[in-house]
């Protein structure tokens, strides 16, 4: 019985030391949105290109499992999507990621209806991205918001 208690204690202590390695004091990766522009169409719906710049200020490489993103215009979701084609970012490294998204038809109709009804001169936008580094690391969120001035176009 004492051997069983000792074995259980050894497993618990080993588990605690293993978990301690997961909580090193490292900086979280940083994500900035560095471009947003229309892309060539491959079908009937317009497409957009979204550029992200990711820096890894950590001593370990960053392997991203996936990424999801959403674009809202005037509070209407018009683009969304996911990607699992992401680079491995070396320690103290950086990488650019380009995402392609197609327009959400229903959200776009609501947007256009609102623009016509309210005769808006500006359109507020919100771009949200979530990166999943996998494992026990927390998700990384990047939001960018602003206003598109229609009177200049």
C-alpha atoms as a PDB file:
ATOM      1  CA  UNK A   1       0.000   0.000   0.000  1.00  0.00           C
ATOM      2  CA  UNK A   2       2.878   2.365   0.822  1.00  0.00           C
ATOM      3  CA  UNK A   3       4.373   1.674  -2.606  1.00  0.00           C
ATOM      4  CA  UNK A   4       1.080   2.680  -4.265  1.00  0.00           C
ATOM      5  CA  UNK A   5       0.912   5.928  -2.275  1.00  0.00           C
ATOM      6  CA  UNK A   6       4.555   6.686  -3.115  1.00  0.00           C
ATOM      7  CA  UNK A   7       3.955   5.993  -6.836  1.00  0.00           C
ATOM      8  CA  UNK A   8       0.887   8.253  -6.800  1.00  0.00           C
ATOM      9  CA  UNK A   9       2.890  11.025  -5.115  1.00  0.00           C
ATOM     10  CA  UNK A  10       5.681  10.716  -7.723  1.00  0.00           C
ATOM     11  CA  UNK A  11       3.133  10.952 -10.569  1.00  0.00           C
ATOM     12  CA  UNK A  12       1.508  14.031  -9.014  1.00  0.00           C
ATOM     13  CA  UNK A  13       4.851  15.808  -8.479  1.00  0.00           C
ATOM     14  CA  UNK A  14       5.949  14.973 -12.036  1.00  0.00           C
ATOM     15  CA  UNK A  15       2.655  16.374 -13.320  1.00  0.00           C
ATOM     16  CA  UNK A  16       3.143  19.599 -11.407  1.00  0.00           C
ATOM     17  CA  UNK A  17       6.649  20.067 -12.791  1.00  0.00           C
ATOM     18  CA  UNK A  18       5.361  19.289 -16.281  1.00  0.00           C
ATOM     19  CA  UNK A  19       2.634  21.934 -15.980  1.00  0.00           C
ATOM     20  CA  UNK A  20       5.133  24.453 -14.628  1.00  0.00           C
ATOM     21  CA  UNK A  21       6.938  24.299 -17.959  1.00  0.00           C
ATOM     22  CA  UNK A  22       3.756  25.410 -19.719  1.00  0.00           C
ATOM     23  CA  UNK A  23       3.532  28.681 -17.799  1.00  0.00           C
ATOM     24  CA  UNK A  24       6.873  30.219 -18.732  1.00  0.00           C
ATOM     25  CA  UNK A  25       6.929  33.989 -18.712  1.00  0.00           C
ATOM     26  CA  UNK A  26       6.900  34.543 -22.492  1.00  0.00           C
ATOM     27  CA  UNK A  27       5.310  37.288 -24.528  1.00  0.00           C
ATOM     28  CA  UNK A  28       2.247  36.404 -26.563  1.00  0.00           C
ATOM     29  CA  UNK A  29       2.485  36.654 -30.344  1.00  0.00           C
ATOM     30  CA  UNK A  30       1.300  39.935 -31.871  1.00  0.00           C
ATOM     31  CA  UNK A  31      -1.015  40.226 -34.860  1.00  0.00           C
ATOM     32  CA  UNK A  32      -1.552  43.349 -36.928  1.00  0.00           C
ATOM     33  CA  UNK A  33      -3.800  43.770 -39.912  1.00  0.00           C
ATOM     34  CA  UNK A  34      -1.664  45.403 -42.569  1.00  0.00           C
ATOM     35  CA  UNK A  35      -3.869  45.320 -45.674  1.00  0.00           C
ATOM     36  CA  UNK A  36      -7.426  44.974 -46.817  1.00  0.00           C
ATOM     37  CA  UNK A  37      -8.269  45.259 -50.514  1.00  0.00           C
ATOM     38  CA  UNK A  38     -10.433  43.788 -53.221  1.00  0.00           C
ATOM     39  CA  UNK A  39      -9.090  40.701 -54.982  1.00  0.00           C
ATOM     40  CA  UNK A  40      -9.761  39.261 -58.455  1.00  0.00           C
ATOM     41  CA  UNK A  41     -13.107  37.467 -58.602  1.00  0.00           C
ATOM     42  CA  UNK A  42     -13.219  33.737 -59.245  1.00  0.00           C
ATOM     43  CA  UNK A  43     -17.002  33.623 -59.406  1.00  0.00           C
ATOM     44  CA  UNK A  44     -19.946  35.970 -59.232  1.00  0.00           C
ATOM     45  CA  UNK A  45     -19.357  37.220 -55.680  1.00  0.00           C
ATOM     46  CA  UNK A  46     -16.681  39.844 -54.978  1.00  0.00           C
ATOM     47  CA  UNK A  47     -13.572  38.654 -53.117  1.00  0.00           C
ATOM     48  CA  UNK A  48     -11.274  40.470 -50.731  1.00  0.00           C
ATOM     49  CA  UNK A  49      -7.658  39.991 -49.682  1.00  0.00           C
ATOM     50  CA  UNK A  50      -6.831  40.465 -45.997  1.00  0.00           C
ATOM     51  CA  UNK A  51      -3.178  40.723 -44.971  1.00  0.00           C
ATOM     52  CA  UNK A  52      -1.988  39.917 -41.449  1.00  0.00           C
ATOM     53  CA  UNK A  53       1.515  40.381 -40.031  1.00  0.00           C
ATOM     54  CA  UNK A  54       2.372  38.039 -37.150  1.00  0.00           C
ATOM     55  CA  UNK A  55       5.399  38.471 -34.878  1.00  0.00           C
ATOM     56  CA  UNK A  56       6.605  35.847 -32.426  1.00  0.00           C
ATOM     57  CA  UNK A  57       8.546  37.442 -29.521  1.00  0.00           C
ATOM     58  CA  UNK A  58       8.907  34.027 -27.851  1.00  0.00           C
ATOM     59  CA  UNK A  59      11.834  31.627 -27.452  1.00  0.00           C
ATOM     60  CA  UNK A  60       9.760  28.802 -28.967  1.00  0.00           C
ATOM     61  CA  UNK A  61       8.360  28.450 -32.467  1.00  0.00           C
ATOM     62  CA  UNK A  62       4.712  29.298 -33.091  1.00  0.00           C
ATOM     63  CA  UNK A  63       2.739  26.681 -34.973  1.00  0.00           C
ATOM     64  CA  UNK A  64      -0.727  27.956 -35.815  1.00  0.00           C
ATOM     65  CA  UNK A  65      -3.483  25.363 -36.120  1.00  0.00           C
ATOM     66  CA  UNK A  66      -6.067  27.668 -37.644  1.00  0.00           C
ATOM     67  CA  UNK A  67      -7.476  31.119 -38.104  1.00  0.00           C
ATOM     68  CA  UNK A  68     -11.012  32.477 -38.325  1.00  0.00           C
ATOM     69  CA  UNK A  69     -12.064  35.949 -39.350  1.00  0.00           C
ATOM     70  CA  UNK A  70     -15.136  38.154 -39.792  1.00  0.00           C
ATOM     71  CA  UNK A  71     -15.715  41.546 -41.426  1.00  0.00           C
ATOM     72  CA  UNK A  72     -18.660  43.717 -40.431  1.00  0.00           C
ATOM     73  CA  UNK A  73     -19.724  46.819 -42.344  1.00  0.00           C
ATOM     74  CA  UNK A  74     -22.244  49.116 -40.616  1.00  0.00           C
ATOM     75  CA  UNK A  75     -22.919  46.301 -38.136  1.00  0.00           C
ATOM     76  CA  UNK A  76     -23.728  43.732 -40.861  1.00  0.00           C
ATOM     77  CA  UNK A  77     -21.478  40.683 -41.256  1.00  0.00           C
ATOM     78  CA  UNK A  78     -20.425  40.667 -44.900  1.00  0.00           C
ATOM     79  CA  UNK A  79     -17.307  38.444 -44.897  1.00  0.00           C
ATOM     80  CA  UNK A  80     -16.218  35.470 -42.831  1.00  0.00           C
ATOM     81  CA  UNK A  81     -14.011  32.484 -43.241  1.00  0.00           C
ATOM     82  CA  UNK A  82     -11.317  30.206 -41.916  1.00  0.00           C
ATOM     83  CA  UNK A  83      -7.838  29.109 -42.917  1.00  0.00           C
ATOM     84  CA  UNK A  84      -5.561  26.286 -41.872  1.00  0.00           C
ATOM     85  CA  UNK A  85      -2.778  27.139 -44.328  1.00  0.00           C
ATOM     86  CA  UNK A  86      -0.595  29.058 -41.919  1.00  0.00           C
ATOM     87  CA  UNK A  87       3.188  29.275 -41.565  1.00  0.00           C
ATOM     88  CA  UNK A  88       5.300  28.095 -38.654  1.00  0.00           C
ATOM     89  CA  UNK A  89       6.909  31.206 -37.169  1.00  0.00           C
ATOM     90  CA  UNK A  90      10.399  30.731 -35.766  1.00  0.00           C
ATOM     91  CA  UNK A  91      11.399  32.078 -32.327  1.00  0.00           C
ATOM     92  CA  UNK A  92      11.777  35.864 -32.536  1.00  0.00           C
ATOM     93  CA  UNK A  93      10.509  35.661 -36.098  1.00  0.00           C
ATOM     94  CA  UNK A  94       7.699  37.120 -38.135  1.00  0.00           C
ATOM     95  CA  UNK A  95       5.515  36.188 -41.088  1.00  0.00           C
ATOM     96  CA  UNK A  96       2.846  37.636 -43.348  1.00  0.00           C
ATOM     97  CA  UNK A  97      -0.376  35.756 -43.987  1.00  0.00           C
ATOM     98  CA  UNK A  98      -2.789  36.525 -46.823  1.00  0.00           C
ATOM     99  CA  UNK A  99      -6.413  35.451 -46.489  1.00  0.00           C
ATOM    100  CA  UNK A 100      -9.094  35.456 -49.176  1.00  0.00           C
ATOM    101  CA  UNK A 101     -12.763  35.897 -48.379  1.00  0.00           C
ATOM    102  CA  UNK A 102     -15.987  36.020 -50.373  1.00  0.00           C
ATOM    103  CA  UNK A 103     -18.969  38.199 -49.679  1.00  0.00           C
ATOM    104  CA  UNK A 104     -21.866  36.962 -47.518  1.00  0.00           C
ATOM    105  CA  UNK A 105     -24.844  37.621 -49.816  1.00  0.00           C
ATOM    106  CA  UNK A 106     -27.506  38.085 -47.099  1.00  0.00           C
ATOM    107  CA  UNK A 107     -25.307  40.397 -45.001  1.00  0.00           C
ATOM    108  CA  UNK A 108     -24.465  42.405 -48.105  1.00  0.00           C
ATOM    109  CA  UNK A 109     -28.133  42.833 -49.041  1.00  0.00           C
ATOM    110  CA  UNK A 110     -28.860  44.116 -45.538  1.00  0.00           C
ATOM    111  CA  UNK A 111     -25.907  46.499 -45.807  1.00  0.00           C
ATOM    112  CA  UNK A 112     -26.999  47.874 -49.183  1.00  0.00           C
ATOM    113  CA  UNK A 113     -30.597  48.254 -47.985  1.00  0.00           C
ATOM    114  CA  UNK A 114     -29.373  50.215 -44.963  1.00  0.00           C
ATOM    115  CA  UNK A 115     -27.083  52.412 -47.072  1.00  0.00           C
ATOM    116  CA  UNK A 116     -29.925  53.305 -49.450  1.00  0.00           C
ATOM    117  CA  UNK A 117     -32.433  53.868 -46.649  1.00  0.00           C
ATOM    118  CA  UNK A 118     -30.137  55.951 -44.425  1.00  0.00           C
ATOM    119  CA  UNK A 119     -28.138  57.689 -47.212  1.00  0.00           C
ATOM    120  CA  UNK A 120     -24.912  57.098 -45.271  1.00  0.00           C
ATOM    121  CA  UNK A 121     -21.778  59.039 -46.257  1.00  0.00           C
ATOM    122  CA  UNK A 122     -19.532  56.779 -44.165  1.00  0.00           C
ATOM    123  CA  UNK A 123     -19.456  53.063 -43.383  1.00  0.00           C
ATOM    124  CA  UNK A 124     -17.967  51.867 -40.093  1.00  0.00           C
ATOM    125  CA  UNK A 125     -16.068  48.576 -40.368  1.00  0.00           C
ATOM    126  CA  UNK A 126     -14.831  45.995 -37.884  1.00  0.00           C
ATOM    127  CA  UNK A 127     -12.407  43.239 -38.897  1.00  0.00           C
ATOM    128  CA  UNK A 128     -11.958  40.479 -36.295  1.00  0.00           C
ATOM    129  CA  UNK A 129      -9.392  37.680 -36.511  1.00  0.00           C
ATOM    130  CA  UNK A 130      -8.791  34.764 -34.114  1.00  0.00           C
ATOM    131  CA  UNK A 131      -5.611  32.670 -34.356  1.00  0.00           C
ATOM    132  CA  UNK A 132      -5.459  29.249 -32.719  1.00  0.00           C
ATOM    133  CA  UNK A 133      -1.912  28.238 -31.721  1.00  0.00           C
ATOM    134  CA  UNK A 134      -3.185  24.841 -30.581  1.00  0.00           C
ATOM    135  CA  UNK A 135      -2.257  22.951 -27.463  1.00  0.00           C
ATOM    136  CA  UNK A 136      -2.650  24.757 -24.162  1.00  0.00           C
ATOM    137  CA  UNK A 137      -1.779  28.210 -25.529  1.00  0.00           C
ATOM    138  CA  UNK A 138      -4.576  30.783 -25.512  1.00  0.00           C
ATOM    139  CA  UNK A 139      -6.117  32.048 -28.740  1.00  0.00           C
ATOM    140  CA  UNK A 140      -4.758  35.302 -30.165  1.00  0.00           C
ATOM    141  CA  UNK A 141      -7.275  38.004 -31.134  1.00  0.00           C
ATOM    142  CA  UNK A 142      -6.769  40.965 -33.465  1.00  0.00           C
ATOM    143  CA  UNK A 143      -9.467  43.553 -34.190  1.00  0.00           C
ATOM    144  CA  UNK A 144      -9.252  46.534 -36.477  1.00  0.00           C
ATOM    145  CA  UNK A 145     -11.983  49.086 -36.822  1.00  0.00           C
ATOM    146  CA  UNK A 146     -12.391  52.288 -38.717  1.00  0.00           C
ATOM    147  CA  UNK A 147     -14.587  54.213 -41.109  1.00  0.00           C
ATOM    148  CA  UNK A 148     -14.787  54.140 -44.906  1.00  0.00           C
ATOM    149  CA  UNK A 149     -15.627  57.609 -46.279  1.00  0.00           C
ATOM    150  CA  UNK A 150     -17.929  57.145 -49.293  1.00  0.00           C
ATOM    151  CA  UNK A 151     -17.682  60.783 -50.323  1.00  0.00           C
ATOM    152  CA  UNK A 152     -14.024  60.245 -51.322  1.00  0.00           C
ATOM    153  CA  UNK A 153     -14.757  57.335 -53.693  1.00  0.00           C
END
